[in-house]
Amino acid sequence: MKRIDHELLASFAEESALRLTRIADKLELLAGTRPVDMELLHAIFRDTHSLKSAANLLTLGAVEQIAHKLEDILESLRIGQDLPDEQLIDILSAGYTRIEQLLKNTHVLPLIDSGKEIAAIDARLLARRIKNQDA
């Protein structure tokens, strides 16, 4: 990477850390709201979308794709297709934590198989769906 790229990456990582902290705080609040606090949900969605878009601009594929998957989950909440139960909040939190880990270790980003990352999220979503059907 060129020097300017390192500077951009450092700036992105710093901004993203703040954004991820805001998201984590809002997720905790969202978990306890019934009915769903749509303003809070929209704020989480916007932060996730901004994270995804910035990662795209910097060609950070793994971060972008994980954020995109989280954005899809949030969209299912926004349209009322799902509810933010404890299990779903845990899945979202784990995804954001993974992004945070990647941004703390940007040197490994090119080595990350985002397909495996997405498959892990999908597996947790499927297990949740099965559990909820059995309940």
C-alpha atoms as a PDB file:
ATOM      1  CA  MET A   1       0.000   0.000   0.000  1.00  0.00           C
ATOM      2  CA  LYS A   2       1.064   3.533  -0.639  1.00  0.00           C
ATOM      3  CA  ARG A   3       1.550   5.985   2.212  1.00  0.00           C
ATOM      4  CA  ILE A   4      -1.710   7.763   1.460  1.00  0.00           C
ATOM      5  CA  ASP A   5      -3.485   4.404   1.496  1.00  0.00           C
ATOM      6  CA  HIS A   6      -2.194   3.730   5.004  1.00  0.00           C
ATOM      7  CA  GLU A   7      -3.408   7.137   6.089  1.00  0.00           C
ATOM      8  CA  LEU A   8      -6.838   6.538   4.570  1.00  0.00           C
ATOM      9  CA  LEU A   9      -7.016   3.109   6.118  1.00  0.00           C
ATOM     10  CA  ALA A  10      -6.038   4.457   9.532  1.00  0.00           C
ATOM     11  CA  SER A  11      -8.645   7.206   9.237  1.00  0.00           C
ATOM     12  CA  PHE A  12     -11.292   4.676   8.170  1.00  0.00           C
ATOM     13  CA  ALA A  13     -10.403   2.348  11.047  1.00  0.00           C
ATOM     14  CA  GLU A  14     -10.618   5.222  13.553  1.00  0.00           C
ATOM     15  CA  GLU A  15     -13.957   6.462  12.207  1.00  0.00           C
ATOM     16  CA  SER A  16     -15.286   2.905  12.053  1.00  0.00           C
ATOM     17  CA  ALA A  17     -14.309   2.237  15.668  1.00  0.00           C
ATOM     18  CA  LEU A  18     -16.465   5.182  16.741  1.00  0.00           C
ATOM     19  CA  ARG A  19     -19.288   4.033  14.484  1.00  0.00           C
ATOM     20  CA  LEU A  20     -19.071   0.466  15.845  1.00  0.00           C
ATOM     21  CA  THR A  21     -19.240   1.760  19.420  1.00  0.00           C
ATOM     22  CA  ARG A  22     -22.392   3.720  18.557  1.00  0.00           C
ATOM     23  CA  ILE A  23     -23.895   0.654  16.895  1.00  0.00           C
ATOM     24  CA  ALA A  24     -23.131  -1.551  19.923  1.00  0.00           C
ATOM     25  CA  ASP A  25     -24.767   0.956  22.266  1.00  0.00           C
ATOM     26  CA  LYS A  26     -27.835   1.204  20.035  1.00  0.00           C
ATOM     27  CA  LEU A  27     -28.107  -2.579  19.660  1.00  0.00           C
ATOM     28  CA  GLU A  28     -28.312  -2.928  23.439  1.00  0.00           C
ATOM     29  CA  LEU A  29     -31.138  -0.407  23.515  1.00  0.00           C
ATOM     30  CA  LEU A  30     -32.899  -2.034  20.560  1.00  0.00           C
ATOM     31  CA  ALA A  31     -32.895  -5.420  22.256  1.00  0.00           C
ATOM     32  CA  GLY A  32     -35.123  -4.104  24.997  1.00  0.00           C
ATOM     33  CA  THR A  33     -37.673  -2.211  22.931  1.00  0.00           C
ATOM     34  CA  ARG A  34     -41.183  -3.479  22.276  1.00  0.00           C
ATOM     35  CA  PRO A  35     -42.595  -2.360  19.984  1.00  0.00           C
ATOM     36  CA  VAL A  36     -39.402  -1.993  17.971  1.00  0.00           C
ATOM     37  CA  ASP A  37     -37.943   1.507  18.197  1.00  0.00           C
ATOM     38  CA  MET A  38     -37.841   2.264  14.462  1.00  0.00           C
ATOM     39  CA  GLU A  39     -35.814   5.453  14.883  1.00  0.00           C
ATOM     40  CA  LEU A  40     -33.134   3.500  16.705  1.00  0.00           C
ATOM     41  CA  LEU A  41     -33.241   0.737  14.092  1.00  0.00           C
ATOM     42  CA  HIS A  42     -32.895   3.262  11.255  1.00  0.00           C
ATOM     43  CA  ALA A  43     -29.889   4.835  12.995  1.00  0.00           C
ATOM     44  CA  ILE A  44     -28.174   1.434  13.249  1.00  0.00           C
ATOM     45  CA  PHE A  45     -28.981   0.758   9.608  1.00  0.00           C
ATOM     46  CA  ARG A  46     -27.533   4.123   8.510  1.00  0.00           C
ATOM     47  CA  ASP A  47     -24.310   3.545  10.442  1.00  0.00           C
ATOM     48  CA  THR A  48     -24.004   0.058   8.959  1.00  0.00           C
ATOM     49  CA  HIS A  49     -24.651   1.371   5.459  1.00  0.00           C
ATOM     50  CA  SER A  50     -22.015   4.084   5.903  1.00  0.00           C
ATOM     51  CA  LEU A  51     -19.529   1.494   7.144  1.00  0.00           C
ATOM     52  CA  LYS A  52     -20.271  -0.743   4.164  1.00  0.00           C
ATOM     53  CA  SER A  53     -19.971   2.115   1.667  1.00  0.00           C
ATOM     54  CA  ALA A  54     -16.664   3.355   3.054  1.00  0.00           C
ATOM     55  CA  ALA A  55     -15.250  -0.183   3.047  1.00  0.00           C
ATOM     56  CA  ASN A  56     -16.298  -0.475  -0.581  1.00  0.00           C
ATOM     57  CA  LEU A  57     -14.469   2.735  -1.484  1.00  0.00           C
ATOM     58  CA  LEU A  58     -11.310   1.393   0.153  1.00  0.00           C
ATOM     59  CA  THR A  59     -11.795  -2.041  -1.467  1.00  0.00           C
ATOM     60  CA  LEU A  60     -11.971  -3.791   1.901  1.00  0.00           C
ATOM     61  CA  GLY A  61     -14.074  -6.652   0.608  1.00  0.00           C
ATOM     62  CA  ALA A  62     -14.411  -8.670   3.807  1.00  0.00           C
ATOM     63  CA  VAL A  63     -15.560  -5.677   5.851  1.00  0.00           C
ATOM     64  CA  GLU A  64     -17.906  -4.564   3.088  1.00  0.00           C
ATOM     65  CA  GLN A  65     -19.474  -7.999   2.676  1.00  0.00           C
ATOM     66  CA  ILE A  66     -19.970  -8.618   6.388  1.00  0.00           C
ATOM     67  CA  ALA A  67     -21.501  -5.152   6.763  1.00  0.00           C
ATOM     68  CA  HIS A  68     -23.746  -5.887   3.779  1.00  0.00           C
ATOM     69  CA  LYS A  69     -24.959  -9.102   5.422  1.00  0.00           C
ATOM     70  CA  LEU A  70     -25.685  -7.230   8.657  1.00  0.00           C
ATOM     71  CA  GLU A  71     -27.495  -4.577   6.649  1.00  0.00           C
ATOM     72  CA  ASP A  72     -29.699  -7.325   5.137  1.00  0.00           C
ATOM     73  CA  ILE A  73     -30.597  -8.563   8.618  1.00  0.00           C
ATOM     74  CA  LEU A  74     -31.427  -5.024   9.715  1.00  0.00           C
ATOM     75  CA  GLU A  75     -33.586  -4.569   6.630  1.00  0.00           C
ATOM     76  CA  SER A  76     -35.614  -7.637   7.620  1.00  0.00           C
ATOM     77  CA  LEU A  77     -36.269  -5.876  10.924  1.00  0.00           C
ATOM     78  CA  ARG A  78     -37.130  -2.585   9.226  1.00  0.00           C
ATOM     79  CA  ILE A  79     -39.792  -4.204   7.039  1.00  0.00           C
ATOM     80  CA  GLY A  80     -41.239  -6.159   9.959  1.00  0.00           C
ATOM     81  CA  GLN A  81     -40.192  -9.560   8.644  1.00  0.00           C
ATOM     82  CA  ASP A  82     -38.333 -10.306  11.879  1.00  0.00           C
ATOM     83  CA  LEU A  83     -38.050  -9.128  15.483  1.00  0.00           C
ATOM     84  CA  PRO A  84     -34.874  -8.169  17.357  1.00  0.00           C
ATOM     85  CA  ASP A  85     -34.855 -10.985  19.894  1.00  0.00           C
ATOM     86  CA  GLU A  86     -31.838 -11.793  22.037  1.00  0.00           C
ATOM     87  CA  GLN A  87     -30.509 -14.363  19.582  1.00  0.00           C
ATOM     88  CA  LEU A  88     -30.698 -12.004  16.600  1.00  0.00           C
ATOM     89  CA  ILE A  89     -29.049  -9.198  18.563  1.00  0.00           C
ATOM     90  CA  ASP A  90     -26.248 -11.663  19.442  1.00  0.00           C
ATOM     91  CA  ILE A  91     -25.806 -12.529  15.751  1.00  0.00           C
ATOM     92  CA  LEU A  92     -25.634  -8.857  14.802  1.00  0.00           C
ATOM     93  CA  SER A  93     -23.254  -8.089  17.677  1.00  0.00           C
ATOM     94  CA  ALA A  94     -20.949 -10.930  16.652  1.00  0.00           C
ATOM     95  CA  GLY A  95     -20.856  -9.568  13.107  1.00  0.00           C
ATOM     96  CA  TYR A  96     -19.945  -6.084  14.266  1.00  0.00           C
ATOM     97  CA  THR A  97     -17.338  -7.533  16.634  1.00  0.00           C
ATOM     98  CA  ARG A  98     -15.808  -9.416  13.709  1.00  0.00           C
ATOM     99  CA  ILE A  99     -15.594  -6.201  11.693  1.00  0.00           C
ATOM    100  CA  GLU A 100     -13.942  -4.510  14.666  1.00  0.00           C
ATOM    101  CA  GLN A 101     -11.383  -7.346  14.892  1.00  0.00           C
ATOM    102  CA  LEU A 102     -10.612  -7.075  11.190  1.00  0.00           C
ATOM    103  CA  LEU A 103     -10.083  -3.338  11.421  1.00  0.00           C
ATOM    104  CA  LYS A 104      -7.655  -3.789  14.308  1.00  0.00           C
ATOM    105  CA  ASN A 105      -5.653  -6.193  12.139  1.00  0.00           C
ATOM    106  CA  THR A 106      -5.878  -4.652   8.693  1.00  0.00           C
ATOM    107  CA  HIS A 107      -2.784  -6.530   7.536  1.00  0.00           C
ATOM    108  CA  VAL A 108      -4.820  -9.763   7.496  1.00  0.00           C
ATOM    109  CA  LEU A 109      -7.772  -8.329   5.561  1.00  0.00           C
ATOM    110  CA  PRO A 110      -6.540  -9.631   2.196  1.00  0.00           C
ATOM    111  CA  LEU A 111      -6.366 -13.150   3.684  1.00  0.00           C
ATOM    112  CA  ILE A 112      -9.928 -13.227   5.022  1.00  0.00           C
ATOM    113  CA  ASP A 113     -12.370 -15.474   3.196  1.00  0.00           C
ATOM    114  CA  SER A 114     -15.535 -13.418   3.451  1.00  0.00           C
ATOM    115  CA  GLY A 115     -17.508 -16.377   2.085  1.00  0.00           C
ATOM    116  CA  LYS A 116     -16.731 -18.299   5.269  1.00  0.00           C
ATOM    117  CA  GLU A 117     -17.597 -15.252   7.373  1.00  0.00           C
ATOM    118  CA  ILE A 118     -20.987 -14.905   5.660  1.00  0.00           C
ATOM    119  CA  ALA A 119     -21.611 -18.668   5.852  1.00  0.00           C
ATOM    120  CA  ALA A 120     -21.044 -18.533   9.627  1.00  0.00           C
ATOM    121  CA  ILE A 121     -23.639 -15.761   9.976  1.00  0.00           C
ATOM    122  CA  ASP A 122     -26.059 -17.668   7.733  1.00  0.00           C
ATOM    123  CA  ALA A 123     -25.588 -20.820   9.821  1.00  0.00           C
ATOM    124  CA  ARG A 124     -26.471 -18.922  12.999  1.00  0.00           C
ATOM    125  CA  LEU A 125     -29.516 -17.398  11.326  1.00  0.00           C
ATOM    126  CA  LEU A 126     -30.662 -20.826  10.157  1.00  0.00           C
ATOM    127  CA  ALA A 127     -30.184 -22.337  13.619  1.00  0.00           C
ATOM    128  CA  ARG A 128     -32.230 -19.477  15.074  1.00  0.00           C
ATOM    129  CA  ARG A 129     -34.986 -19.991  12.519  1.00  0.00           C
ATOM    130  CA  ILE A 130     -35.138 -23.725  13.245  1.00  0.00           C
ATOM    131  CA  LYS A 131     -35.182 -23.115  16.993  1.00  0.00           C
ATOM    132  CA  ASN A 132     -38.004 -20.578  16.627  1.00  0.00           C
ATOM    133  CA  GLN A 133     -40.024 -22.996  14.481  1.00  0.00           C
ATOM    134  CA  ASP A 134     -39.658 -25.736  17.071  1.00  0.00           C
ATOM    135  CA  ALA A 135     -40.740 -23.414  19.884  1.00  0.00           C
END
